[in-house]
Amino acid sequence: MARIQEAWRRERPDLDVAPQGVIGRLHRLAAHLTGELVALYARHGLGEGEFDVLATLRRAGAPYERAPGELAEHTMVTTGAMTKRIDRLVAAGLVERRAAERDGRRRIVALTPEGVRVIDTAFTEHMANERRLVEQLSTEDRVALEAILTRWLRFHEES
């Protein structure tokens, strides 16, 4: 990254290329971290989207169910993308679609017992993996970085 910035400084001294140092490094780091996370999900037969759906259902609490629209909202994907994820999870026997108990016209998606087992195992390993990844930083750096990223993300999400 430093070599790229230096080359741009030489070629375009009229531009401040300092932001490249932050954005470029964040982009490269995100790619490395995503690779580490996706590899763990794959060991459980899951893609990133499927893991996200199972985790959303599990953290909803018993009976581990939500309407498809709620799942889409909680995972920030379109309803079409959510339908595809749910279809794959139904085929794998990890979730089921059924009528809501109080309103038979309303459909819900619920974890199956196998889905609970898979997400509990995968999430336990996921937390160990994330801990391994952030332990490369000191406690002070982790706290500071989380605060900085929270503020920066809030700015972009409220814009």
N, C-alpha and C. Protein backbone atom coordinates (compact mmCIF):
# COMPACT_ATOMS: atom_id res chain seq x y z
N MET A 1 0.82 -1.18 0.00
CA MET A 1 0.00 0.00 0.00
C MET A 1 0.88 1.26 0.00
N ALA A 2 1.91 1.26 0.82
CA ALA A 2 2.78 2.43 0.89
C ALA A 2 3.44 2.70 -0.48
N ARG A 3 3.82 1.64 -1.20
CA ARG A 3 4.44 1.82 -2.52
C ARG A 3 3.45 2.44 -3.50
N ILE A 4 2.21 2.01 -3.42
CA ILE A 4 1.17 2.55 -4.32
C ILE A 4 0.96 4.03 -4.03
N GLN A 5 0.86 4.34 -2.74
CA GLN A 5 0.68 5.75 -2.38
C GLN A 5 1.86 6.60 -2.83
N GLU A 6 3.06 6.09 -2.64
CA GLU A 6 4.25 6.83 -3.05
C GLU A 6 4.27 7.06 -4.56
N ALA A 7 3.86 6.05 -5.32
CA ALA A 7 3.81 6.19 -6.77
C ALA A 7 2.78 7.26 -7.16
N TRP A 8 1.63 7.25 -6.51
CA TRP A 8 0.63 8.28 -6.81
C TRP A 8 1.10 9.67 -6.38
N ARG A 9 1.80 9.75 -5.27
CA ARG A 9 2.33 11.06 -4.84
C ARG A 9 3.31 11.60 -5.88
N ARG A 10 4.09 10.69 -6.44
CA ARG A 10 5.06 11.09 -7.47
C ARG A 10 4.34 11.52 -8.75
N GLU A 11 3.34 10.74 -9.15
CA GLU A 11 2.65 10.99 -10.41
C GLU A 11 1.60 12.09 -10.32
N ARG A 12 1.00 12.22 -9.14
CA ARG A 12 -0.06 13.23 -8.96
C ARG A 12 0.18 14.00 -7.66
N PRO A 13 1.25 14.79 -7.61
CA PRO A 13 1.54 15.55 -6.39
C PRO A 13 0.46 16.57 -6.04
N ASP A 14 -0.44 16.82 -6.97
CA ASP A 14 -1.53 17.77 -6.74
C ASP A 14 -2.67 17.15 -5.91
N LEU A 15 -2.64 15.81 -5.69
CA LEU A 15 -3.70 15.14 -4.95
C LEU A 15 -3.19 14.60 -3.61
N ASP A 16 -4.03 14.67 -2.61
CA ASP A 16 -3.73 14.07 -1.31
C ASP A 16 -4.19 12.61 -1.36
N VAL A 17 -3.25 11.69 -1.37
CA VAL A 17 -3.59 10.26 -1.47
C VAL A 17 -3.59 9.58 -0.10
N ALA A 18 -3.51 10.37 0.97
CA ALA A 18 -3.49 9.79 2.33
C ALA A 18 -4.70 8.89 2.60
N PRO A 19 -5.92 9.24 2.15
CA PRO A 19 -7.06 8.36 2.43
C PRO A 19 -6.87 6.93 1.91
N GLN A 20 -6.09 6.79 0.85
CA GLN A 20 -5.81 5.47 0.30
C GLN A 20 -5.17 4.55 1.33
N GLY A 21 -4.39 5.10 2.21
CA GLY A 21 -3.73 4.29 3.23
C GLY A 21 -4.73 3.64 4.16
N VAL A 22 -5.79 4.35 4.51
CA VAL A 22 -6.83 3.80 5.39
C VAL A 22 -7.76 2.89 4.61
N ILE A 23 -8.33 3.41 3.55
CA ILE A 23 -9.33 2.65 2.78
C ILE A 23 -8.71 1.39 2.17
N GLY A 24 -7.58 1.52 1.58
CA GLY A 24 -6.92 0.36 0.96
C GLY A 24 -6.61 -0.74 1.96
N ARG A 25 -6.10 -0.34 3.12
CA ARG A 25 -5.78 -1.34 4.15
C ARG A 25 -7.05 -1.98 4.72
N LEU A 26 -8.10 -1.18 4.93
CA LEU A 26 -9.36 -1.75 5.40
C LEU A 26 -9.92 -2.75 4.39
N HIS A 27 -9.84 -2.40 3.13
CA HIS A 27 -10.35 -3.27 2.07
C HIS A 27 -9.58 -4.60 2.04
N ARG A 28 -8.26 -4.51 2.10
CA ARG A 28 -7.44 -5.74 2.10
C ARG A 28 -7.69 -6.56 3.35
N LEU A 29 -7.79 -5.90 4.50
CA LEU A 29 -8.05 -6.62 5.76
C LEU A 29 -9.41 -7.29 5.73
N ALA A 30 -10.41 -6.60 5.21
CA ALA A 30 -11.76 -7.19 5.11
C ALA A 30 -11.73 -8.46 4.26
N ALA A 31 -10.98 -8.45 3.19
CA ALA A 31 -10.88 -9.64 2.33
C ALA A 31 -10.23 -10.79 3.10
N HIS A 32 -9.17 -10.52 3.85
CA HIS A 32 -8.52 -11.57 4.65
C HIS A 32 -9.47 -12.12 5.71
N LEU A 33 -10.13 -11.23 6.43
CA LEU A 33 -11.03 -11.66 7.50
C LEU A 33 -12.21 -12.44 6.94
N THR A 34 -12.78 -11.96 5.84
CA THR A 34 -13.91 -12.67 5.23
C THR A 34 -13.48 -14.08 4.83
N GLY A 35 -12.32 -14.23 4.28
CA GLY A 35 -11.82 -15.56 3.92
C GLY A 35 -11.73 -16.49 5.12
N GLU A 36 -11.26 -15.96 6.24
CA GLU A 36 -11.16 -16.76 7.47
C GLU A 36 -12.54 -17.17 7.97
N LEU A 37 -13.50 -16.26 7.90
CA LEU A 37 -14.85 -16.54 8.39
C LEU A 37 -15.56 -17.54 7.47
N VAL A 38 -15.49 -17.32 6.17
CA VAL A 38 -16.17 -18.17 5.20
C VAL A 38 -15.63 -19.60 5.25
N ALA A 39 -14.34 -19.75 5.47
CA ALA A 39 -13.76 -21.09 5.57
C ALA A 39 -14.36 -21.86 6.75
N LEU A 40 -14.59 -21.18 7.85
CA LEU A 40 -15.21 -21.83 9.01
C LEU A 40 -16.64 -22.23 8.69
N TYR A 41 -17.41 -21.34 8.08
CA TYR A 41 -18.80 -21.67 7.74
C TYR A 41 -18.85 -22.89 6.82
N ALA A 42 -17.95 -22.94 5.87
CA ALA A 42 -17.92 -24.05 4.90
C ALA A 42 -17.69 -25.38 5.59
N ARG A 43 -16.91 -25.39 6.66
CA ARG A 43 -16.67 -26.65 7.40
C ARG A 43 -17.97 -27.19 7.99
N HIS A 44 -18.97 -26.34 8.10
CA HIS A 44 -20.28 -26.75 8.64
C HIS A 44 -21.32 -26.87 7.53
N GLY A 45 -20.85 -26.83 6.27
CA GLY A 45 -21.75 -26.95 5.14
C GLY A 45 -22.58 -25.71 4.88
N LEU A 46 -22.09 -24.57 5.34
CA LEU A 46 -22.85 -23.32 5.23
C LEU A 46 -22.09 -22.28 4.42
N GLY A 47 -22.85 -21.45 3.73
CA GLY A 47 -22.30 -20.24 3.15
C GLY A 47 -22.48 -19.11 4.14
N GLU A 48 -21.94 -17.97 3.82
CA GLU A 48 -22.04 -16.82 4.72
C GLU A 48 -23.50 -16.43 4.97
N GLY A 49 -24.31 -16.45 3.91
CA GLY A 49 -25.72 -16.09 4.05
C GLY A 49 -26.51 -17.08 4.88
N GLU A 50 -26.23 -18.36 4.70
CA GLU A 50 -26.93 -19.39 5.48
C GLU A 50 -26.56 -19.30 6.96
N PHE A 51 -25.29 -19.07 7.23
CA PHE A 51 -24.85 -18.89 8.62
C PHE A 51 -25.60 -17.72 9.24
N ASP A 52 -25.72 -16.63 8.49
CA ASP A 52 -26.38 -15.43 8.99
C ASP A 52 -27.85 -15.70 9.32
N VAL A 53 -28.55 -16.46 8.47
CA VAL A 53 -29.95 -16.79 8.74
C VAL A 53 -30.08 -17.66 9.98
N LEU A 54 -29.25 -18.70 10.08
CA LEU A 54 -29.31 -19.58 11.25
C LEU A 54 -29.00 -18.80 12.53
N ALA A 55 -28.00 -17.94 12.47
CA ALA A 55 -27.63 -17.16 13.65
C ALA A 55 -28.75 -16.20 14.04
N THR A 56 -29.41 -15.61 13.06
CA THR A 56 -30.52 -14.69 13.34
C THR A 56 -31.67 -15.43 14.01
N LEU A 57 -31.97 -16.62 13.52
CA LEU A 57 -33.04 -17.42 14.15
C LEU A 57 -32.65 -17.84 15.55
N ARG A 58 -31.41 -18.26 15.74
CA ARG A 58 -30.97 -18.75 17.06
C ARG A 58 -31.00 -17.65 18.10
N ARG A 59 -30.55 -16.47 17.73
CA ARG A 59 -30.51 -15.39 18.73
C ARG A 59 -31.88 -14.77 18.96
N ALA A 60 -32.89 -15.17 18.18
CA ALA A 60 -34.26 -14.74 18.43
C ALA A 60 -34.81 -15.38 19.69
N GLY A 61 -34.18 -16.46 20.16
CA GLY A 61 -34.65 -17.17 21.33
C GLY A 61 -35.72 -18.18 20.97
N ALA A 62 -35.95 -19.10 21.88
CA ALA A 62 -36.94 -20.15 21.64
C ALA A 62 -38.29 -19.50 21.34
N PRO A 63 -38.99 -19.99 20.37
CA PRO A 63 -38.83 -21.22 19.58
C PRO A 63 -38.00 -21.05 18.31
N TYR A 64 -37.11 -20.07 18.25
CA TYR A 64 -36.15 -19.87 17.14
C TYR A 64 -36.85 -19.72 15.80
N GLU A 65 -37.72 -18.72 15.72
CA GLU A 65 -38.46 -18.52 14.48
C GLU A 65 -38.67 -17.04 14.22
N ARG A 66 -38.84 -16.74 12.92
CA ARG A 66 -39.14 -15.38 12.47
C ARG A 66 -39.88 -15.48 11.14
N ALA A 67 -40.59 -14.44 10.82
CA ALA A 67 -41.21 -14.35 9.50
C ALA A 67 -40.10 -14.09 8.47
N PRO A 68 -40.27 -14.56 7.24
CA PRO A 68 -39.24 -14.33 6.21
C PRO A 68 -38.88 -12.86 6.04
N GLY A 69 -39.86 -11.97 6.10
CA GLY A 69 -39.57 -10.54 5.98
C GLY A 69 -38.72 -10.02 7.12
N GLU A 70 -38.97 -10.52 8.32
CA GLU A 70 -38.15 -10.13 9.48
C GLU A 70 -36.72 -10.62 9.30
N LEU A 71 -36.57 -11.83 8.78
CA LEU A 71 -35.22 -12.36 8.53
C LEU A 71 -34.49 -11.47 7.53
N ALA A 72 -35.18 -11.08 6.47
CA ALA A 72 -34.56 -10.22 5.46
C ALA A 72 -34.13 -8.90 6.08
N GLU A 73 -34.99 -8.34 6.93
CA GLU A 73 -34.67 -7.06 7.59
C GLU A 73 -33.48 -7.20 8.53
N HIS A 74 -33.44 -8.28 9.31
CA HIS A 74 -32.35 -8.48 10.27
C HIS A 74 -31.02 -8.80 9.61
N THR A 75 -31.06 -9.36 8.41
CA THR A 75 -29.82 -9.72 7.72
C THR A 75 -29.49 -8.76 6.59
N MET A 76 -30.32 -7.74 6.40
CA MET A 76 -30.10 -6.69 5.42
C MET A 76 -29.92 -7.21 4.00
N VAL A 77 -30.82 -8.13 3.59
CA VAL A 77 -30.84 -8.60 2.21
C VAL A 77 -32.26 -8.44 1.67
N THR A 78 -32.40 -8.58 0.37
CA THR A 78 -33.73 -8.49 -0.23
C THR A 78 -34.54 -9.73 0.11
N THR A 79 -35.84 -9.63 -0.03
CA THR A 79 -36.68 -10.80 0.24
C THR A 79 -36.40 -11.92 -0.76
N GLY A 80 -36.04 -11.55 -1.99
CA GLY A 80 -35.68 -12.57 -2.99
C GLY A 80 -34.44 -13.35 -2.58
N ALA A 81 -33.43 -12.63 -2.12
CA ALA A 81 -32.21 -13.30 -1.65
C ALA A 81 -32.52 -14.17 -0.43
N MET A 82 -33.39 -13.68 0.44
CA MET A 82 -33.75 -14.45 1.63
C MET A 82 -34.47 -15.73 1.23
N THR A 83 -35.35 -15.67 0.26
CA THR A 83 -36.06 -16.87 -0.19
C THR A 83 -35.08 -17.94 -0.65
N LYS A 84 -34.05 -17.54 -1.40
CA LYS A 84 -33.04 -18.50 -1.87
C LYS A 84 -32.28 -19.11 -0.69
N ARG A 85 -31.93 -18.30 0.28
CA ARG A 85 -31.22 -18.82 1.46
C ARG A 85 -32.11 -19.81 2.22
N ILE A 86 -33.36 -19.44 2.42
CA ILE A 86 -34.28 -20.31 3.15
C ILE A 86 -34.47 -21.62 2.39
N ASP A 87 -34.62 -21.54 1.06
CA ASP A 87 -34.78 -22.76 0.26
C ASP A 87 -33.61 -23.72 0.48
N ARG A 88 -32.39 -23.19 0.48
CA ARG A 88 -31.20 -24.05 0.68
C ARG A 88 -31.21 -24.66 2.08
N LEU A 89 -31.60 -23.87 3.08
CA LEU A 89 -31.62 -24.37 4.46
C LEU A 89 -32.73 -25.39 4.67
N VAL A 90 -33.87 -25.20 4.02
CA VAL A 90 -34.95 -26.20 4.09
C VAL A 90 -34.46 -27.50 3.46
N ALA A 91 -33.83 -27.42 2.30
CA ALA A 91 -33.32 -28.61 1.62
C ALA A 91 -32.29 -29.35 2.48
N ALA A 92 -31.54 -28.61 3.28
CA ALA A 92 -30.52 -29.22 4.15
C ALA A 92 -31.13 -29.73 5.47
N GLY A 93 -32.41 -29.46 5.69
CA GLY A 93 -33.07 -29.91 6.92
C GLY A 93 -32.74 -29.08 8.15
N LEU A 94 -32.27 -27.84 7.93
CA LEU A 94 -31.86 -27.00 9.05
C LEU A 94 -32.95 -26.02 9.50
N VAL A 95 -33.88 -25.71 8.60
CA VAL A 95 -35.03 -24.88 8.94
C VAL A 95 -36.27 -25.48 8.30
N GLU A 96 -37.41 -25.04 8.80
CA GLU A 96 -38.68 -25.43 8.20
C GLU A 96 -39.56 -24.21 8.05
N ARG A 97 -40.39 -24.24 7.02
CA ARG A 97 -41.41 -23.21 6.83
C ARG A 97 -42.71 -23.79 7.36
N ARG A 98 -43.46 -22.96 8.07
CA ARG A 98 -44.77 -23.42 8.54
C ARG A 98 -45.66 -22.22 8.82
N ALA A 99 -46.93 -22.51 9.04
CA ALA A 99 -47.88 -21.45 9.37
C ALA A 99 -47.63 -20.99 10.80
N ALA A 100 -47.82 -19.71 11.04
CA ALA A 100 -47.69 -19.17 12.40
C ALA A 100 -48.83 -19.72 13.25
N GLU A 101 -48.55 -19.96 14.50
CA GLU A 101 -49.56 -20.55 15.40
C GLU A 101 -50.77 -19.65 15.57
N ARG A 102 -50.57 -18.36 15.72
CA ARG A 102 -51.68 -17.44 16.00
C ARG A 102 -52.40 -16.96 14.74
N ASP A 103 -51.73 -17.06 13.61
CA ASP A 103 -52.32 -16.60 12.35
C ASP A 103 -51.89 -17.55 11.24
N GLY A 104 -52.74 -18.48 10.90
CA GLY A 104 -52.41 -19.51 9.91
C GLY A 104 -52.10 -18.98 8.54
N ARG A 105 -52.47 -17.74 8.25
CA ARG A 105 -52.15 -17.15 6.94
C ARG A 105 -50.71 -16.67 6.89
N ARG A 106 -50.15 -16.42 8.03
CA ARG A 106 -48.78 -15.90 8.12
C ARG A 106 -47.80 -17.07 8.14
N ARG A 107 -46.72 -16.95 7.37
CA ARG A 107 -45.70 -18.00 7.32
C ARG A 107 -44.52 -17.61 8.20
N ILE A 108 -43.90 -18.61 8.79
CA ILE A 108 -42.68 -18.37 9.57
C ILE A 108 -41.63 -19.38 9.16
N VAL A 109 -40.40 -19.05 9.51
CA VAL A 109 -39.26 -19.94 9.30
C VAL A 109 -38.73 -20.25 10.68
N ALA A 110 -38.51 -21.54 10.95
CA ALA A 110 -38.04 -21.96 12.28
C ALA A 110 -36.88 -22.92 12.15
N LEU A 111 -35.97 -22.85 13.11
CA LEU A 111 -34.88 -23.83 13.17
C LEU A 111 -35.44 -25.21 13.48
N THR A 112 -34.90 -26.22 12.83
CA THR A 112 -35.19 -27.60 13.21
C THR A 112 -34.23 -27.97 14.33
N PRO A 113 -34.44 -29.09 15.01
CA PRO A 113 -33.46 -29.51 16.02
C PRO A 113 -32.05 -29.64 15.44
N GLU A 114 -31.95 -30.13 14.21
CA GLU A 114 -30.63 -30.23 13.55
C GLU A 114 -30.07 -28.84 13.28
N GLY A 115 -30.93 -27.88 12.92
CA GLY A 115 -30.49 -26.51 12.69
C GLY A 115 -29.93 -25.89 13.97
N VAL A 116 -30.58 -26.16 15.10
CA VAL A 116 -30.08 -25.66 16.40
C VAL A 116 -28.72 -26.26 16.68
N ARG A 117 -28.57 -27.56 16.43
CA ARG A 117 -27.29 -28.22 16.69
C ARG A 117 -26.19 -27.63 15.81
N VAL A 118 -26.48 -27.46 14.52
CA VAL A 118 -25.48 -26.94 13.59
C VAL A 118 -25.07 -25.51 13.96
N ILE A 119 -26.05 -24.63 14.21
CA ILE A 119 -25.67 -23.24 14.50
C ILE A 119 -24.98 -23.13 15.85
N ASP A 120 -25.38 -23.93 16.84
CA ASP A 120 -24.69 -23.86 18.13
C ASP A 120 -23.23 -24.30 17.99
N THR A 121 -22.99 -25.35 17.24
CA THR A 121 -21.61 -25.81 17.02
C THR A 121 -20.83 -24.79 16.20
N ALA A 122 -21.43 -24.34 15.10
CA ALA A 122 -20.73 -23.39 14.22
C ALA A 122 -20.48 -22.07 14.93
N PHE A 123 -21.44 -21.59 15.72
CA PHE A 123 -21.26 -20.30 16.38
C PHE A 123 -20.18 -20.39 17.46
N THR A 124 -20.11 -21.51 18.17
CA THR A 124 -19.04 -21.68 19.17
C THR A 124 -17.68 -21.58 18.49
N GLU A 125 -17.52 -22.26 17.36
CA GLU A 125 -16.26 -22.20 16.61
C GLU A 125 -16.04 -20.81 16.01
N HIS A 126 -17.10 -20.17 15.58
CA HIS A 126 -17.02 -18.82 15.00
C HIS A 126 -16.46 -17.83 16.03
N MET A 127 -16.95 -17.91 17.27
CA MET A 127 -16.46 -17.00 18.30
C MET A 127 -14.99 -17.28 18.62
N ALA A 128 -14.60 -18.53 18.65
CA ALA A 128 -13.19 -18.85 18.88
C ALA A 128 -12.33 -18.33 17.73
N ASN A 129 -12.84 -18.43 16.51
CA ASN A 129 -12.12 -17.95 15.34
C ASN A 129 -11.99 -16.43 15.38
N GLU A 130 -13.08 -15.73 15.71
CA GLU A 130 -13.00 -14.27 15.80
C GLU A 130 -12.05 -13.84 16.91
N ARG A 131 -12.09 -14.54 18.04
CA ARG A 131 -11.17 -14.22 19.13
C ARG A 131 -9.73 -14.37 18.66
N ARG A 132 -9.44 -15.45 17.94
CA ARG A 132 -8.09 -15.69 17.40
C ARG A 132 -7.68 -14.53 16.49
N LEU A 133 -8.60 -14.07 15.67
CA LEU A 133 -8.28 -13.00 14.73
C LEU A 133 -8.03 -11.67 15.41
N VAL A 134 -8.80 -11.33 16.43
CA VAL A 134 -8.60 -10.03 17.09
C VAL A 134 -7.51 -10.07 18.14
N GLU A 135 -7.13 -11.24 18.61
CA GLU A 135 -6.06 -11.32 19.60
C GLU A 135 -4.71 -10.90 19.05
N GLN A 136 -4.64 -10.70 17.74
CA GLN A 136 -3.42 -10.18 17.14
C GLN A 136 -3.20 -8.72 17.53
N LEU A 137 -4.25 -8.09 18.09
CA LEU A 137 -4.17 -6.71 18.57
C LEU A 137 -4.17 -6.70 20.09
N SER A 138 -3.58 -5.68 20.67
CA SER A 138 -3.63 -5.54 22.12
C SER A 138 -5.07 -5.22 22.54
N THR A 139 -5.37 -5.44 23.80
CA THR A 139 -6.70 -5.11 24.32
C THR A 139 -7.02 -3.64 24.08
N GLU A 140 -6.05 -2.77 24.33
CA GLU A 140 -6.25 -1.34 24.14
C GLU A 140 -6.55 -1.02 22.68
N ASP A 141 -5.82 -1.63 21.77
CA ASP A 141 -6.05 -1.39 20.35
C ASP A 141 -7.43 -1.90 19.92
N ARG A 142 -7.85 -3.05 20.44
CA ARG A 142 -9.17 -3.58 20.09
C ARG A 142 -10.27 -2.62 20.55
N VAL A 143 -10.16 -2.13 21.77
CA VAL A 143 -11.16 -1.21 22.31
C VAL A 143 -11.19 0.08 21.48
N ALA A 144 -10.02 0.62 21.20
CA ALA A 144 -9.94 1.86 20.42
C ALA A 144 -10.47 1.65 19.00
N LEU A 145 -10.09 0.55 18.37
CA LEU A 145 -10.53 0.27 17.01
C LEU A 145 -12.05 0.09 16.94
N GLU A 146 -12.61 -0.62 17.90
CA GLU A 146 -14.05 -0.81 17.91
C GLU A 146 -14.77 0.54 18.04
N ALA A 147 -14.27 1.40 18.89
CA ALA A 147 -14.89 2.72 19.07
C ALA A 147 -14.79 3.55 17.79
N ILE A 148 -13.64 3.54 17.16
CA ILE A 148 -13.44 4.30 15.92
C ILE A 148 -14.36 3.76 14.82
N LEU A 149 -14.39 2.45 14.65
CA LEU A 149 -15.21 1.85 13.60
C LEU A 149 -16.70 2.08 13.86
N THR A 150 -17.10 2.04 15.12
CA THR A 150 -18.50 2.30 15.48
C THR A 150 -18.90 3.70 15.07
N ARG A 151 -18.07 4.68 15.39
CA ARG A 151 -18.37 6.08 15.02
C ARG A 151 -18.41 6.25 13.50
N TRP A 152 -17.43 5.66 12.83
CA TRP A 152 -17.33 5.82 11.37
C TRP A 152 -18.52 5.14 10.69
N LEU A 153 -18.86 3.96 11.15
CA LEU A 153 -19.99 3.23 10.57
C LEU A 153 -21.31 3.97 10.82
N ARG A 154 -21.48 4.52 12.00
CA ARG A 154 -22.69 5.29 12.31
C ARG A 154 -22.85 6.44 11.34
N PHE A 155 -21.75 7.11 11.04
CA PHE A 155 -21.79 8.23 10.10
C PHE A 155 -22.31 7.77 8.75
N HIS A 156 -21.83 6.63 8.27
CA HIS A 156 -22.23 6.14 6.95
C HIS A 156 -23.64 5.55 6.94
N GLU A 157 -24.04 4.96 8.03
CA GLU A 157 -25.38 4.36 8.08
C GLU A 157 -26.48 5.38 8.33
N GLU A 158 -26.14 6.52 8.90
CA GLU A 158 -27.13 7.57 9.15
C GLU A 158 -27.20 8.55 7.99
N SER A 159 -26.25 8.47 7.08
CA SER A 159 -26.23 9.41 5.95
C SER A 159 -27.30 9.05 4.94
